[in-house]
């Protein structure tokens, strides 16, 4: 750890010297740290992000033709379209990109990125600004082998765009529509992937039992399911889980107010592998439900039970 920290300090110092020297290099792209072992590269990148020293001027140091993974999550505020356009032109082998809470990139720059780079496997656009239908369509058209897509809080995308995602991305293993309140039951029923391991439909108020039951029956390898605040769900979808899915480890039923006590008991009786359970504001959590969890879920690490008025 000390050696890594020392290397990071040396590299950061060198970058600072290069940028402030009387005769800076003609092209910052003449040197790239993307060749570094991934743990060191990611540590260096995070170091710069946290200190707000990752700018359009220093960004070229961190990219290169061999770069496969890049996370600018929450801290890419000092970057402009110039950096994203350089990324599009340079990193044609990029597989994983995280732009969570990145608000400084325009829709045109995002569109170019997802048009130019055709190797994406994992894309996170949670709360990322300026994600339009055109941006998502470019991503789908040029990266049909995506296995992970996070569209948390992308509530401005049209229903036709969400339907296209459901129908075209057949290899998805991880999908988040968290907070996409425009998601309809018909879109969920149209999900073509049968390989889903993680699915978040939290705060999708239009979701109903028929849609969820369809997804569950064709994705029996689900391990993580987030249904928080899906108040339109009733017992049928919960019982469908118990008959189709066997490897569930993470389950969020926060504010699912229409589930009966008997359904919850049957649900937890069928999932001994559960590690994490969220039940805040899930109204019918009684002593009998918690006793069933204690009896069945012997590997449980965390359970959230805030606002449970029926527990003694």
Protein backbone atom coordinates (compact mmCIF):
# COMPACT_ATOMS: atom_id res chain seq x y z
CA UNK A 1 0.00 0.00 0.00
CA UNK A 2 2.86 2.37 0.80
CA UNK A 3 4.49 1.69 -2.57
CA UNK A 4 1.24 2.38 -4.41
CA UNK A 5 0.74 5.61 -2.47
CA UNK A 6 4.28 6.70 -3.27
CA UNK A 7 3.85 5.92 -6.96
CA UNK A 8 0.60 7.89 -7.05
CA UNK A 9 2.28 10.90 -5.44
CA UNK A 10 5.18 10.74 -7.91
CA UNK A 11 2.84 10.56 -10.89
CA UNK A 12 0.62 13.39 -9.64
CA UNK A 13 3.69 15.54 -9.00
CA UNK A 14 5.01 14.81 -12.47
CA UNK A 15 1.72 15.76 -14.12
CA UNK A 16 1.65 19.01 -12.17
CA UNK A 17 5.19 19.82 -13.21
CA UNK A 18 4.45 19.13 -16.86
CA UNK A 19 1.39 21.36 -16.87
CA UNK A 20 3.05 24.27 -15.09
CA UNK A 21 6.47 24.13 -16.76
CA UNK A 22 7.55 27.09 -18.95
CA UNK A 23 7.68 24.79 -21.97
CA UNK A 24 4.86 22.26 -21.59
CA UNK A 25 4.72 19.35 -24.04
CA UNK A 26 3.01 20.02 -27.37
CA UNK A 27 0.65 17.13 -26.82
CA UNK A 28 -0.43 15.70 -23.51
CA UNK A 29 -1.43 12.54 -25.32
CA UNK A 30 2.26 11.72 -25.76
CA UNK A 31 2.02 10.10 -22.31
CA UNK A 32 -0.77 7.92 -21.01
CA UNK A 33 -1.13 6.09 -17.72
CA UNK A 34 -3.76 3.72 -19.11
CA UNK A 35 -1.01 1.09 -19.47
CA UNK A 36 -0.73 0.83 -15.67
CA UNK A 37 -2.16 -2.20 -13.84
CA UNK A 38 -5.85 -1.52 -13.37
CA UNK A 39 -5.79 -1.21 -9.54
CA UNK A 40 -3.05 1.42 -9.73
CA UNK A 41 -4.71 3.21 -12.65
CA UNK A 42 -8.07 3.39 -10.88
CA UNK A 43 -6.43 4.60 -7.66
CA UNK A 44 -4.60 7.32 -9.54
CA UNK A 45 -7.74 8.36 -11.40
CA UNK A 46 -9.78 8.52 -8.19
CA UNK A 47 -7.01 10.49 -6.53
CA UNK A 48 -7.23 13.12 -9.27
CA UNK A 49 -11.00 13.17 -9.22
CA UNK A 50 -11.20 13.72 -5.49
CA UNK A 51 -8.73 16.57 -5.69
CA UNK A 52 -10.47 18.12 -8.69
CA UNK A 53 -7.22 17.91 -10.64
CA UNK A 54 -8.77 15.89 -13.46
CA UNK A 55 -9.50 18.52 -16.10
CA UNK A 56 -9.56 18.75 -19.87
CA UNK A 57 -5.83 19.48 -19.65
CA UNK A 58 -4.90 16.41 -17.57
CA UNK A 59 -7.52 13.98 -18.90
CA UNK A 60 -5.36 12.87 -21.89
CA UNK A 61 -2.89 11.34 -19.43
CA UNK A 62 -5.54 8.83 -18.40
CA UNK A 63 -6.71 7.52 -21.74
CA UNK A 64 -5.21 5.45 -24.52
CA UNK A 65 -6.16 2.85 -27.13
CA UNK A 66 -5.84 0.02 -24.59
CA UNK A 67 -8.11 1.55 -21.93
CA UNK A 68 -10.96 -0.84 -21.08
CA UNK A 69 -12.59 0.64 -17.96
CA UNK A 70 -13.26 4.22 -16.87
CA UNK A 71 -15.29 5.61 -13.97
CA UNK A 72 -15.98 9.34 -13.65
CA UNK A 73 -18.76 8.72 -11.13
CA UNK A 74 -19.97 11.92 -9.44
CA UNK A 75 -16.65 13.72 -9.81
CA UNK A 76 -16.27 14.49 -13.52
CA UNK A 77 -17.44 18.07 -13.08
CA UNK A 78 -14.20 19.64 -14.34
CA UNK A 79 -14.44 17.89 -17.69
CA UNK A 80 -16.17 19.25 -20.78
CA UNK A 81 -17.25 17.86 -24.13
CA UNK A 82 -13.62 18.22 -25.25
CA UNK A 83 -12.59 15.34 -22.98
CA UNK A 84 -15.52 13.16 -24.00
CA UNK A 85 -14.75 13.74 -27.68
CA UNK A 86 -11.12 12.77 -27.08
CA UNK A 87 -12.35 9.64 -25.32
CA UNK A 88 -14.53 8.80 -28.34
CA UNK A 89 -11.63 9.18 -30.75
CA UNK A 90 -8.99 7.41 -28.67
CA UNK A 91 -10.51 4.62 -26.59
CA UNK A 92 -12.04 2.36 -29.20
CA UNK A 93 -11.67 -0.71 -26.94
CA UNK A 94 -13.50 0.75 -23.95
CA UNK A 95 -15.78 -1.85 -22.34
CA UNK A 96 -16.89 -0.27 -19.07
CA UNK A 97 -17.97 3.36 -18.48
CA UNK A 98 -19.51 4.98 -15.41
CA UNK A 99 -20.89 8.51 -15.83
CA UNK A 100 -22.98 8.64 -12.66
CA UNK A 101 -24.00 12.24 -11.84
CA UNK A 102 -21.90 13.65 -14.66
CA UNK A 103 -23.68 16.87 -15.62
CA UNK A 104 -21.12 18.65 -17.80
CA UNK A 105 -21.42 16.63 -21.01
CA UNK A 106 -23.83 17.62 -23.77
CA UNK A 107 -26.17 15.21 -25.51
CA UNK A 108 -24.21 15.67 -28.76
CA UNK A 109 -20.96 14.59 -27.07
CA UNK A 110 -22.67 11.56 -25.52
CA UNK A 111 -24.20 10.71 -28.88
CA UNK A 112 -20.81 10.77 -30.57
CA UNK A 113 -19.27 8.62 -27.83
CA UNK A 114 -21.87 5.87 -28.16
CA UNK A 115 -21.66 6.04 -31.95
CA UNK A 116 -17.86 5.88 -32.17
CA UNK A 117 -17.15 3.27 -29.48
CA UNK A 118 -18.68 -0.09 -30.31
CA UNK A 119 -17.17 -2.29 -27.58
CA UNK A 120 -19.21 -1.33 -24.52
CA UNK A 121 -20.31 -4.11 -22.19
CA UNK A 122 -21.06 -2.13 -19.02
CA UNK A 123 -22.57 1.38 -19.07
CA UNK A 124 -23.78 3.38 -16.07
CA UNK A 125 -25.72 6.58 -16.74
CA UNK A 126 -27.36 6.94 -13.33
CA UNK A 127 -28.48 10.55 -12.84
CA UNK A 128 -26.28 11.60 -15.77
CA UNK A 129 -27.61 14.76 -17.43
CA UNK A 130 -28.50 15.16 -21.13
CA UNK A 131 -29.19 11.48 -21.78
CA UNK A 132 -31.75 11.63 -24.59
CA UNK A 133 -33.57 9.06 -26.67
CA UNK A 134 -31.03 9.62 -29.46
CA UNK A 135 -28.13 8.91 -27.08
CA UNK A 136 -29.66 5.63 -25.92
CA UNK A 137 -30.55 4.56 -29.46
CA UNK A 138 -26.94 5.11 -30.54
CA UNK A 139 -25.77 3.02 -27.59
CA UNK A 140 -28.14 0.19 -28.51
CA UNK A 141 -27.41 0.28 -32.25
CA UNK A 142 -23.66 0.14 -31.79
CA UNK A 143 -23.34 -1.98 -28.66
CA UNK A 144 -25.91 -4.74 -28.91
CA UNK A 145 -23.83 -7.03 -26.67
CA UNK A 146 -24.28 -4.89 -23.56
CA UNK A 147 -24.57 -6.98 -20.42
CA UNK A 148 -24.99 -4.18 -17.88
CA UNK A 149 -27.02 -0.95 -18.18
CA UNK A 150 -27.92 1.45 -15.38
CA UNK A 151 -30.48 4.15 -16.24
CA UNK A 152 -31.32 5.17 -12.69
CA UNK A 153 -33.44 8.36 -12.61
CA UNK A 154 -33.51 8.76 -16.39
CA UNK A 155 -37.13 9.81 -16.20
CA UNK A 156 -37.09 11.91 -19.40
CA UNK A 157 -36.53 9.01 -21.77
CA UNK A 158 -39.63 8.18 -23.79
CA UNK A 159 -41.58 4.95 -23.42
CA UNK A 160 -40.65 4.03 -27.00
CA UNK A 161 -36.97 4.33 -26.06
CA UNK A 162 -37.41 2.10 -23.01
CA UNK A 163 -39.29 -0.39 -25.17
CA UNK A 164 -36.36 -0.46 -27.61
CA UNK A 165 -34.00 -1.28 -24.73
CA UNK A 166 -36.27 -4.10 -23.60
CA UNK A 167 -36.53 -5.60 -27.07
CA UNK A 168 -33.02 -5.13 -28.46
CA UNK A 169 -30.63 -5.79 -25.58
CA UNK A 170 -30.99 -9.55 -25.36
CA UNK A 171 -27.77 -10.25 -23.44
CA UNK A 172 -28.39 -8.07 -20.39
CA UNK A 173 -27.39 -9.50 -17.04
CA UNK A 174 -27.75 -6.32 -14.98
CA UNK A 175 -30.44 -3.71 -15.62
CA UNK A 176 -31.65 -0.73 -13.60
CA UNK A 177 -34.74 1.29 -14.44
CA UNK A 178 -34.78 2.73 -10.90
CA UNK A 179 -36.94 5.85 -10.85
CA UNK A 180 -38.04 5.57 -14.48
CA UNK A 181 -41.65 6.25 -13.62
CA UNK A 182 -42.60 6.30 -17.30
CA UNK A 183 -41.89 2.55 -17.48
CA UNK A 184 -45.11 0.71 -18.33
CA UNK A 185 -46.13 -2.85 -17.65
CA UNK A 186 -46.04 -3.59 -21.41
CA UNK A 187 -42.38 -2.56 -21.57
CA UNK A 188 -41.50 -4.91 -18.73
CA UNK A 189 -43.35 -7.74 -20.45
CA UNK A 190 -41.29 -7.03 -23.59
CA UNK A 191 -37.93 -7.60 -21.86
CA UNK A 192 -36.15 -10.00 -24.19
CA UNK A 193 -33.18 -10.90 -21.99
CA UNK A 194 -33.32 -14.26 -20.25
CA UNK A 195 -29.95 -13.82 -18.52
CA UNK A 196 -30.82 -11.19 -15.90
CA UNK A 197 -29.03 -11.60 -12.58
CA UNK A 198 -29.74 -8.13 -11.20
CA UNK A 199 -32.87 -6.08 -11.86
CA UNK A 200 -34.04 -2.80 -10.34
CA UNK A 201 -37.57 -1.61 -11.02
CA UNK A 202 -37.79 0.52 -7.88
CA UNK A 203 -40.09 3.56 -8.02
CA UNK A 204 -41.70 2.32 -11.24
CA UNK A 205 -45.26 3.03 -10.16
CA UNK A 206 -46.90 1.56 -13.27
CA UNK A 207 -45.43 -1.91 -12.70
CA UNK A 208 -48.05 -4.60 -12.08
CA UNK A 209 -48.02 -8.30 -11.22
CA UNK A 210 -48.36 -9.49 -14.83
CA UNK A 211 -45.22 -7.64 -15.91
CA UNK A 212 -43.08 -8.77 -13.02
CA UNK A 213 -44.33 -12.36 -13.25
CA UNK A 214 -43.26 -12.46 -16.92
CA UNK A 215 -39.74 -11.25 -16.12
CA UNK A 216 -39.37 -13.64 -13.20
CA UNK A 217 -40.45 -16.70 -15.15
CA UNK A 218 -37.93 -16.12 -17.94
CA UNK A 219 -35.04 -15.01 -15.71
CA UNK A 220 -34.71 -17.79 -13.18
CA UNK A 221 -31.09 -16.87 -12.34
CA UNK A 222 -32.05 -13.58 -10.68
CA UNK A 223 -29.87 -12.87 -7.66
CA UNK A 224 -30.76 -9.26 -6.90
CA UNK A 225 -34.22 -7.70 -7.22
CA UNK A 226 -35.20 -4.17 -6.20
CA UNK A 227 -38.94 -3.46 -6.12
CA UNK A 228 -38.90 -0.59 -3.65
CA UNK A 229 -41.98 1.66 -3.84
CA UNK A 230 -43.68 -0.52 -6.45
CA UNK A 231 -47.00 -0.11 -4.68
CA UNK A 232 -49.01 -1.67 -7.51
CA UNK A 233 -47.58 -5.12 -6.83
CA UNK A 234 -49.70 -7.68 -5.04
CA UNK A 235 -49.25 -11.25 -3.83
CA UNK A 236 -49.19 -12.92 -7.27
CA UNK A 237 -45.79 -11.56 -8.27
CA UNK A 238 -44.24 -12.40 -4.90
CA UNK A 239 -45.49 -15.96 -5.11
CA UNK A 240 -44.17 -16.20 -8.68
CA UNK A 241 -40.71 -15.51 -7.24
CA UNK A 242 -40.90 -18.53 -4.97
CA UNK A 243 -41.80 -20.87 -7.82
CA UNK A 244 -39.24 -19.64 -10.36
CA UNK A 245 -36.16 -18.14 -8.72
CA UNK A 246 -33.88 -20.11 -6.39
CA UNK A 247 -30.65 -18.08 -6.02
CA UNK A 248 -31.97 -14.74 -4.77
CA UNK A 249 -29.50 -13.04 -2.40
CA UNK A 250 -30.68 -9.39 -2.38
CA UNK A 251 -34.33 -8.34 -2.15
CA UNK A 252 -35.81 -4.86 -1.67
CA UNK A 253 -39.53 -4.60 -0.92
CA UNK A 254 -39.43 -1.15 0.68
CA UNK A 255 -42.84 0.53 0.67
CA UNK A 256 -44.52 -2.39 -1.08
CA UNK A 257 -47.74 -1.78 0.79
CA UNK A 258 -50.07 -4.32 -0.87
CA UNK A 259 -48.34 -7.58 0.09
CA UNK A 260 -50.15 -9.78 2.59
CA UNK A 261 -48.64 -11.39 5.66
CA UNK A 262 -49.17 -14.90 4.26
CA UNK A 263 -47.46 -14.02 0.97
CA UNK A 264 -44.45 -12.57 2.78
CA UNK A 265 -44.15 -15.68 4.94
CA UNK A 266 -44.25 -17.94 1.87
CA UNK A 267 -41.76 -15.71 0.10
CA UNK A 268 -39.09 -15.84 2.81
CA UNK A 269 -39.64 -19.54 3.39
CA UNK A 270 -38.38 -20.13 -0.15
CA UNK A 271 -35.12 -18.15 -0.11
CA UNK A 272 -32.52 -19.55 2.29
CA UNK A 273 -29.69 -17.80 0.36
CA UNK A 274 -30.88 -14.25 1.06
CA UNK A 275 -28.06 -12.04 2.35
CA UNK A 276 -29.68 -8.59 2.35
CA UNK A 277 -33.36 -7.70 2.82
CA UNK A 278 -34.96 -4.25 2.71
CA UNK A 279 -38.43 -3.97 4.27
CA UNK A 280 -38.87 -0.32 5.41
CA UNK A 281 -42.50 0.82 5.16
CA UNK A 282 -43.57 -2.64 3.94
CA UNK A 283 -46.77 -2.51 5.94
CA UNK A 284 -47.57 -6.15 6.69
CA UNK A 285 -44.27 -7.19 8.24
CA UNK A 286 -45.34 -8.90 11.44
CA UNK A 287 -43.59 -11.00 14.07
CA UNK A 288 -44.53 -14.10 12.07
CA UNK A 289 -42.79 -12.73 8.98
CA UNK A 290 -39.61 -11.88 10.87
CA UNK A 291 -39.65 -15.28 12.60
CA UNK A 292 -39.83 -16.95 9.19
CA UNK A 293 -36.85 -14.90 8.00
CA UNK A 294 -34.87 -15.91 11.09
CA UNK A 295 -35.77 -19.55 10.56
CA UNK A 296 -34.99 -19.75 6.83
CA UNK A 297 -32.38 -17.09 6.00
CA UNK A 298 -29.47 -18.39 8.03
CA UNK A 299 -26.89 -16.59 5.86
CA UNK A 300 -28.54 -13.17 6.29
CA UNK A 301 -26.08 -10.29 6.77
CA UNK A 302 -28.37 -7.25 6.83
CA UNK A 303 -32.07 -6.59 7.25
CA UNK A 304 -33.71 -3.15 7.23
CA UNK A 305 -36.96 -2.90 9.19
CA UNK A 306 -37.54 0.81 9.82
CA UNK A 307 -41.13 2.02 10.31
CA UNK A 308 -42.51 -1.43 11.12
CA UNK A 309 -45.46 -0.61 13.35
CA UNK A 310 -46.76 -4.18 13.57
CA UNK A 311 -43.66 -5.64 15.20
CA UNK A 312 -43.73 -6.23 18.94
